[in-house]
Amino acid sequence: MFHNLIFDWSGTLVDDLPPVLEATNHVLGLYGVGSFDREEFRRRFRLPYREFYEELLPGVPLEELEVHFRKAFAGSQAPVTVLPHAREKLEWCRDHGVRTFVLTSMDSDAFRRQLHDLELAEFFEATYSGVLDKRERIHGILESHRLNPAESAFVGDMTHDIDTARHGNMTSIAVLTGYTHAGPLSEARPDLTVPDLDVLRRLMARPGWKPRPVATVGALIHDGAGRVLMVKTHKWGHRWGIPGGKIRRGESSLDALRREILEETGLAIDDPLFVLVQDCIDSAEFQRPEHFLLLNYVARALPGPVVLNDEAQEYRWVTPSTAMALDLNGPTRTLLEEAARQGLLAG
């Protein structure tokens, strides 16, 4: 069950496409660019705003464009309405103890007016508006409200929302009620896609409903000279283990392995060899109850320094026998034993 939901605003909870389209066409007209119809706008519009406008009006400062946009948006008579099922979904979250937040790129003044006029403010623990690139803010929101990413999802209607969820290591939920068509959304590979928030509500209301098991990759890294890399991480109770992480949707296991190792250690790898798959179901060693499928490899590190990200606190290059004497998490000990049994390690 998700205990925390961070919602996008426009196209996810409210339909403000009519005034946004009107204001955008007004801005484009000021610079001699032709207007969009609704469907063309949905195909081409994207976040962050800077990228969208740089493509259409290269070299024009975003701050200048925002002045024109805000004036036209404020003066528009086009209606802004709560999307069907949005209020019911928020009521369900309130009644079931699901914490809810908003993270939106919408201008803060316009957002606050809509939040008040549509009578939705009571549902949110906190709201964040005027955030041009949501990826830059998501970690701070998770940390300041002590939200566990594994128990949290970002709900939005645009590919930028999916990227933001991925950046925060959260579940991404795409809704088809807003700005972006289903095709581009599917290409962004969200973890879950729903036609509207009523379907999401009914999914979450199912007894015992939880996301599926999480497929991960990890590798016992060696240096080709008899040493293996061990990392200590708080995620496994400050025990020693191996680097690795989740496979993204649409990503092969080997691509995921190379990406995760590079992100967590700064090392590129060569000669990855599959060793075994392990079930890891609600391990007491891990920081939270979780169901993992662990795809374990052995791989050789290419020359370069180890640079840890914030998922690990310490590393050591040691012999396999020395590694076995460390306070290892259970899956790493099993991997070491199996790699030694198959003759994949020396020392």
Protein backbone atom coordinates (compact mmCIF):
# COMPACT_ATOMS: atom_id res chain seq x y z
CA MET A 1 0.00 0.00 0.00
CA PHE A 2 1.18 3.51 -0.76
CA HIS A 3 1.18 5.59 2.40
CA ASN A 4 2.14 8.82 0.61
CA LEU A 5 0.95 10.29 -2.70
CA ILE A 6 2.47 13.37 -4.29
CA PHE A 7 0.17 14.76 -6.97
CA ASP A 8 0.83 16.95 -9.93
CA TRP A 9 -1.89 19.60 -10.24
CA SER A 10 -2.74 20.56 -13.83
CA GLY A 11 -4.17 17.65 -15.79
CA THR A 12 -4.03 15.37 -12.76
CA LEU A 13 -6.39 16.98 -10.25
CA VAL A 14 -7.76 19.93 -12.21
CA ASP A 15 -8.51 20.68 -15.86
CA ASP A 16 -6.91 24.02 -16.64
CA LEU A 17 -5.95 23.18 -20.21
CA PRO A 18 -8.37 25.74 -21.79
CA PRO A 19 -6.83 28.85 -20.15
CA VAL A 20 -3.29 27.44 -20.47
CA LEU A 21 -3.78 26.90 -24.20
CA GLU A 22 -5.29 30.37 -24.59
CA ALA A 23 -2.44 32.03 -22.70
CA THR A 24 0.22 30.04 -24.55
CA ASN A 25 -1.19 31.02 -27.94
CA HIS A 26 -1.27 34.63 -26.79
CA VAL A 27 2.45 34.47 -25.93
CA LEU A 28 3.36 32.79 -29.21
CA GLY A 29 1.35 35.39 -31.14
CA LEU A 30 3.31 38.23 -29.54
CA TYR A 31 6.45 36.79 -31.15
CA GLY A 32 4.90 35.96 -34.50
CA VAL A 33 4.53 32.22 -33.97
CA GLY A 34 1.34 30.47 -35.08
CA SER A 35 -1.15 29.16 -32.52
CA PHE A 36 -1.80 25.56 -31.50
CA ASP A 37 -5.09 23.73 -31.52
CA ARG A 38 -5.85 21.59 -28.47
CA GLU A 39 -4.51 18.28 -29.81
CA GLU A 40 -1.36 19.73 -31.33
CA PHE A 41 -0.65 21.48 -28.04
CA ARG A 42 -1.07 18.21 -26.13
CA ARG A 43 1.36 16.51 -28.49
CA ARG A 44 4.05 19.16 -28.19
CA PHE A 45 3.77 20.70 -24.74
CA ARG A 46 6.19 19.41 -22.13
CA LEU A 47 7.96 20.29 -18.93
CA PRO A 48 10.21 21.89 -17.89
CA TYR A 49 8.74 25.03 -19.49
CA ARG A 50 12.18 26.25 -20.48
CA GLU A 51 12.70 23.38 -22.93
CA PHE A 52 9.27 23.83 -24.52
CA TYR A 53 9.69 27.57 -25.11
CA GLU A 54 13.34 27.30 -26.15
CA GLU A 55 12.24 25.07 -29.02
CA LEU A 56 9.55 27.52 -30.18
CA LEU A 57 11.12 30.85 -29.24
CA PRO A 58 14.88 30.26 -29.01
CA GLY A 59 16.80 32.89 -27.15
CA VAL A 60 13.79 34.61 -25.55
CA PRO A 61 14.27 34.71 -21.75
CA LEU A 62 11.78 32.55 -19.88
CA GLU A 63 11.23 35.34 -17.35
CA GLU A 64 10.01 37.60 -20.17
CA LEU A 65 7.66 34.94 -21.47
CA GLU A 66 6.27 34.26 -18.00
CA VAL A 67 5.19 37.90 -17.60
CA HIS A 68 3.12 37.67 -20.78
CA PHE A 69 1.76 34.23 -19.92
CA ARG A 70 0.65 35.13 -16.40
CA LYS A 71 -1.18 38.24 -17.58
CA ALA A 72 -3.02 36.31 -20.31
CA PHE A 73 -3.79 33.39 -17.97
CA ALA A 74 -5.19 35.70 -15.29
CA GLY A 75 -7.37 37.44 -17.84
CA SER A 76 -8.75 34.28 -19.43
CA GLN A 77 -12.45 33.53 -18.99
CA ALA A 78 -11.97 29.85 -19.88
CA PRO A 79 -13.14 27.59 -17.03
CA VAL A 80 -10.91 25.66 -14.64
CA THR A 81 -12.61 22.64 -13.06
CA VAL A 82 -11.81 19.75 -10.77
CA LEU A 83 -11.28 16.67 -12.89
CA PRO A 84 -13.83 13.85 -12.55
CA HIS A 85 -13.02 11.51 -9.62
CA ALA A 86 -10.25 13.76 -8.25
CA ARG A 87 -12.20 14.96 -5.22
CA GLU A 88 -13.40 11.43 -4.49
CA LYS A 89 -9.85 10.14 -4.65
CA LEU A 90 -8.62 12.81 -2.24
CA GLU A 91 -11.50 12.06 0.14
CA TRP A 92 -10.58 8.38 0.02
CA CYS A 93 -6.95 9.21 0.86
CA ARG A 94 -8.05 11.36 3.80
CA ASP A 95 -10.36 8.65 5.12
CA HIS A 96 -7.68 5.94 4.83
CA GLY A 97 -4.75 7.85 6.29
CA VAL A 98 -2.83 8.31 3.04
CA ARG A 99 -0.71 11.46 3.23
CA THR A 100 -1.15 13.72 0.20
CA PHE A 101 0.94 16.54 -1.26
CA VAL A 102 1.06 18.67 -4.41
CA LEU A 103 4.16 19.43 -6.50
CA THR A 104 3.41 21.64 -9.49
CA SER A 105 5.15 23.95 -11.92
CA MET A 106 2.15 26.28 -11.96
CA ASP A 107 2.71 29.89 -10.97
CA SER A 108 2.26 30.10 -7.20
CA ASP A 109 -0.30 32.93 -7.19
CA ALA A 110 -2.50 31.19 -9.78
CA PHE A 111 -2.15 27.88 -7.96
CA ARG A 112 -3.20 29.34 -4.61
CA ARG A 113 -6.25 30.93 -6.20
CA GLN A 114 -7.32 27.63 -7.76
CA LEU A 115 -6.60 25.72 -4.56
CA HIS A 116 -8.91 28.10 -2.67
CA ASP A 117 -11.61 28.55 -5.33
CA LEU A 118 -11.92 24.79 -5.95
CA GLU A 119 -11.96 24.06 -2.20
CA LEU A 120 -9.19 21.47 -2.28
CA ALA A 121 -6.74 22.94 0.24
CA GLU A 122 -8.03 20.82 3.14
CA PHE A 123 -6.82 17.60 1.54
CA PHE A 124 -3.09 18.36 1.41
CA GLU A 125 -0.48 18.23 4.12
CA ALA A 126 1.73 20.56 2.08
CA THR A 127 1.83 22.03 -1.41
CA TYR A 128 4.77 23.13 -3.56
CA SER A 129 4.14 25.39 -6.56
CA GLY A 130 6.18 27.39 -9.05
CA VAL A 131 8.73 24.56 -9.29
CA LEU A 132 10.05 24.72 -12.85
CA ASP A 133 11.98 21.44 -12.62
CA LYS A 134 10.31 19.06 -10.15
CA ARG A 135 13.31 16.74 -10.15
CA GLU A 136 15.27 19.41 -8.29
CA ARG A 137 12.73 19.52 -5.46
CA ILE A 138 11.55 15.94 -4.99
CA HIS A 139 14.36 14.77 -2.68
CA GLY A 140 13.87 17.76 -0.39
CA ILE A 141 10.15 17.04 -0.08
CA LEU A 142 10.77 13.39 0.75
CA GLU A 143 13.36 14.30 3.36
CA SER A 144 11.52 17.19 5.00
CA HIS A 145 8.34 15.15 5.48
CA ARG A 146 10.22 11.91 6.22
CA LEU A 147 8.51 10.05 3.40
CA ASN A 148 9.80 6.58 2.61
CA PRO A 149 10.25 6.47 -1.20
CA ALA A 150 9.26 2.80 -1.23
CA GLU A 151 5.89 3.72 0.27
CA SER A 152 5.38 6.78 -1.92
CA ALA A 153 4.18 7.46 -5.46
CA PHE A 154 4.17 10.49 -7.72
CA VAL A 155 0.91 10.83 -9.65
CA GLY A 156 0.99 12.94 -12.80
CA ASP A 157 -0.06 13.32 -16.40
CA MET A 158 3.25 14.22 -18.08
CA THR A 159 6.55 12.54 -18.83
CA HIS A 160 8.31 15.03 -16.54
CA ASP A 161 6.22 13.67 -13.66
CA ILE A 162 7.42 10.14 -14.45
CA ASP A 163 11.02 11.39 -14.58
CA THR A 164 10.51 13.12 -11.24
CA ALA A 165 9.23 9.93 -9.62
CA ARG A 166 12.19 7.99 -10.98
CA HIS A 167 14.57 10.67 -9.74
CA GLY A 168 13.08 10.32 -6.26
CA ASN A 169 13.24 6.51 -6.41
CA MET A 170 9.45 6.43 -6.04
CA THR A 171 6.70 4.64 -7.92
CA SER A 172 5.47 6.58 -10.95
CA ILE A 173 1.73 6.59 -11.67
CA ALA A 174 0.59 8.12 -14.96
CA VAL A 175 -2.99 9.31 -15.46
CA LEU A 176 -4.51 9.83 -18.91
CA THR A 177 -6.72 12.78 -17.98
CA GLY A 178 -4.31 15.57 -18.75
CA TYR A 179 -1.87 17.19 -21.11
CA THR A 180 0.10 14.26 -22.50
CA HIS A 181 -1.29 11.58 -24.80
CA ALA A 182 -1.08 7.90 -23.86
CA GLY A 183 1.62 7.17 -26.46
CA PRO A 184 4.31 9.52 -25.15
CA LEU A 185 3.41 8.58 -21.59
CA SER A 186 3.87 4.89 -22.32
CA GLU A 187 7.25 5.57 -23.92
CA ALA A 188 8.36 7.13 -20.62
CA ARG A 189 7.67 3.75 -18.95
CA PRO A 190 5.65 4.63 -15.84
CA ASP A 191 5.33 1.91 -13.21
CA LEU A 192 1.54 2.12 -13.42
CA THR A 193 -0.86 3.80 -15.85
CA VAL A 194 -4.52 4.48 -15.03
CA PRO A 195 -7.19 6.15 -17.18
CA ASP A 196 -8.33 8.32 -14.25
CA LEU A 197 -8.11 8.65 -10.48
CA ASP A 198 -11.19 6.52 -9.89
CA VAL A 199 -9.34 3.49 -11.23
CA LEU A 200 -6.41 4.30 -8.93
CA ARG A 201 -8.77 4.62 -5.98
CA ARG A 202 -10.36 1.25 -6.71
CA LEU A 203 -6.97 -0.40 -7.12
CA MET A 204 -5.75 0.91 -3.80
CA ALA A 205 -9.01 -0.08 -2.13
CA ARG A 206 -8.55 -3.75 -2.99
CA PRO A 207 -7.85 -5.81 0.14
CA GLY A 208 -4.16 -6.57 0.37
CA TRP A 209 -3.32 -4.73 -2.86
CA LYS A 210 0.37 -3.96 -3.16
CA PRO A 211 2.76 -3.31 -6.01
CA ARG A 212 4.36 -6.40 -7.52
CA PRO A 213 7.73 -7.78 -6.40
CA VAL A 214 10.64 -5.51 -7.29
CA ALA A 215 13.29 -6.87 -9.67
CA THR A 216 16.81 -5.73 -8.83
CA VAL A 217 20.35 -6.31 -10.02
CA GLY A 218 23.59 -6.36 -8.07
CA ALA A 219 27.15 -7.44 -8.70
CA LEU A 220 30.09 -8.76 -6.77
CA ILE A 221 32.75 -6.50 -8.29
CA HIS A 222 36.34 -7.75 -8.51
CA ASP A 223 39.51 -5.99 -9.63
CA GLY A 224 41.00 -8.90 -11.58
CA ALA A 225 43.74 -9.27 -8.96
CA GLY A 226 41.97 -11.28 -6.29
CA ARG A 227 40.07 -8.53 -4.48
CA VAL A 228 36.33 -7.82 -4.32
CA LEU A 229 34.51 -4.59 -3.54
CA MET A 230 32.36 -4.47 -0.41
CA VAL A 231 30.16 -1.50 0.46
CA LYS A 232 28.46 -0.71 3.76
CA THR A 233 24.97 0.75 3.56
CA HIS A 234 22.37 1.91 6.05
CA LYS A 235 19.66 0.29 3.87
CA TRP A 236 20.85 -3.11 5.08
CA GLY A 237 21.27 -2.23 8.74
CA HIS A 238 24.82 -0.89 8.20
CA ARG A 239 25.94 -4.32 7.07
CA TRP A 240 28.38 -4.93 4.21
CA GLY A 241 27.09 -5.90 0.81
CA ILE A 242 27.30 -5.24 -2.93
CA PRO A 243 26.18 -2.29 -5.06
CA GLY A 244 22.99 -2.60 -7.09
CA GLY A 245 19.42 -1.43 -7.44
CA LYS A 246 16.10 -1.60 -9.25
CA ILE A 247 15.58 -2.45 -12.89
CA ARG A 248 13.64 0.28 -14.62
CA ARG A 249 10.73 -0.62 -16.84
CA GLY A 250 11.95 -1.17 -20.40
CA GLU A 251 15.56 -1.59 -19.25
CA SER A 252 17.47 -4.84 -19.68
CA SER A 253 19.00 -6.40 -16.58
CA LEU A 254 22.54 -5.84 -17.88
CA ASP A 255 21.85 -2.21 -18.74
CA ALA A 256 20.40 -1.76 -15.27
CA LEU A 257 23.45 -3.42 -13.72
CA ARG A 258 25.91 -1.14 -15.52
CA ARG A 259 23.85 1.94 -14.67
CA GLU A 260 23.42 1.08 -10.98
CA ILE A 261 27.09 0.21 -10.48
CA LEU A 262 28.17 3.45 -12.15
CA GLU A 263 25.69 5.52 -10.10
CA GLU A 264 26.60 3.94 -6.76
CA THR A 265 30.37 3.46 -7.14
CA GLY A 266 31.53 5.52 -10.13
CA LEU A 267 32.92 2.34 -11.69
CA ALA A 268 32.35 1.01 -15.17
CA ILE A 269 32.29 -2.80 -15.37
CA ASP A 270 33.22 -5.50 -17.84
CA ASP A 271 32.59 -9.24 -18.21
CA PRO A 272 29.38 -9.49 -16.17
CA LEU A 273 28.53 -13.12 -15.39
CA PHE A 274 25.17 -14.19 -14.02
CA VAL A 275 25.51 -16.23 -10.81
CA LEU A 276 22.05 -16.76 -9.29
CA VAL A 277 18.68 -15.24 -8.49
CA GLN A 278 17.58 -14.92 -4.87
CA ASP A 279 14.19 -14.36 -3.29
CA CYS A 280 14.30 -11.67 -0.62
CA ILE A 281 10.89 -11.33 1.02
CA ASP A 282 10.50 -8.93 3.94
CA SER A 283 14.08 -9.42 5.13
CA ALA A 284 14.62 -8.29 8.72
CA GLU A 285 18.01 -6.94 7.62
CA PHE A 286 16.54 -4.49 5.10
CA GLN A 287 15.30 -1.08 6.20
CA ARG A 288 11.64 -1.84 5.40
CA PRO A 289 9.42 -4.80 4.49
CA GLU A 290 9.91 -5.40 0.79
CA HIS A 291 9.72 -8.23 -1.73
CA PHE A 292 12.81 -8.28 -3.98
CA LEU A 293 13.93 -10.62 -6.73
CA LEU A 294 17.74 -10.26 -6.61
CA LEU A 295 19.54 -10.96 -9.89
CA ASN A 296 23.16 -11.43 -8.81
CA TYR A 297 26.24 -11.16 -11.04
CA VAL A 298 30.01 -11.15 -10.82
CA ALA A 299 31.76 -8.45 -12.85
CA ARG A 300 35.24 -6.96 -13.27
CA ALA A 301 35.79 -3.28 -12.50
CA LEU A 302 37.47 -1.18 -15.17
CA PRO A 303 40.27 1.07 -13.89
CA GLY A 304 39.10 4.11 -11.96
CA PRO A 305 38.46 5.42 -8.45
CA VAL A 306 35.50 4.37 -6.34
CA VAL A 307 33.15 7.32 -5.80
CA LEU A 308 30.20 6.41 -3.58
CA ASN A 309 26.84 8.12 -3.82
CA ASP A 310 24.64 8.68 -0.78
CA GLU A 311 23.39 5.08 -0.69
CA ALA A 312 26.63 3.75 0.83
CA GLN A 313 28.84 5.06 3.61
CA GLU A 314 32.05 3.09 3.24
CA TYR A 315 33.84 0.71 0.88
CA ARG A 316 36.71 -1.76 1.02
CA TRP A 317 38.66 -3.81 -1.51
CA VAL A 318 39.30 -7.15 0.22
CA THR A 319 39.96 -10.78 -0.61
CA PRO A 320 36.93 -13.07 -0.77
CA SER A 321 38.01 -14.80 2.43
CA THR A 322 38.30 -11.47 4.22
CA ALA A 323 34.91 -10.46 2.86
CA MET A 324 33.34 -13.58 4.37
CA ALA A 325 34.59 -12.47 7.80
CA LEU A 326 32.74 -9.12 7.55
CA ASP A 327 29.26 -8.46 8.94
CA LEU A 328 27.55 -9.23 5.62
CA ASN A 329 23.89 -9.09 4.75
CA GLY A 330 22.46 -12.52 4.01
CA PRO A 331 22.07 -12.26 0.22
CA THR A 332 25.67 -11.07 -0.19
CA ARG A 333 27.00 -13.99 1.85
CA THR A 334 24.99 -16.38 -0.33
CA LEU A 335 26.36 -14.75 -3.50
CA LEU A 336 29.95 -14.99 -2.26
CA GLU A 337 29.53 -18.66 -1.41
CA GLU A 338 27.96 -19.47 -4.77
CA ALA A 339 30.54 -17.49 -6.75
CA ALA A 340 33.32 -19.34 -4.92
CA ARG A 341 31.59 -22.69 -5.56
CA GLN A 342 31.46 -21.93 -9.28
CA GLY A 343 35.13 -20.91 -9.31
CA LEU A 344 34.39 -17.33 -10.37
CA LEU A 345 36.66 -15.73 -7.77
CA ALA A 346 40.26 -16.15 -6.72
CA GLY A 347 41.71 -15.55 -3.26
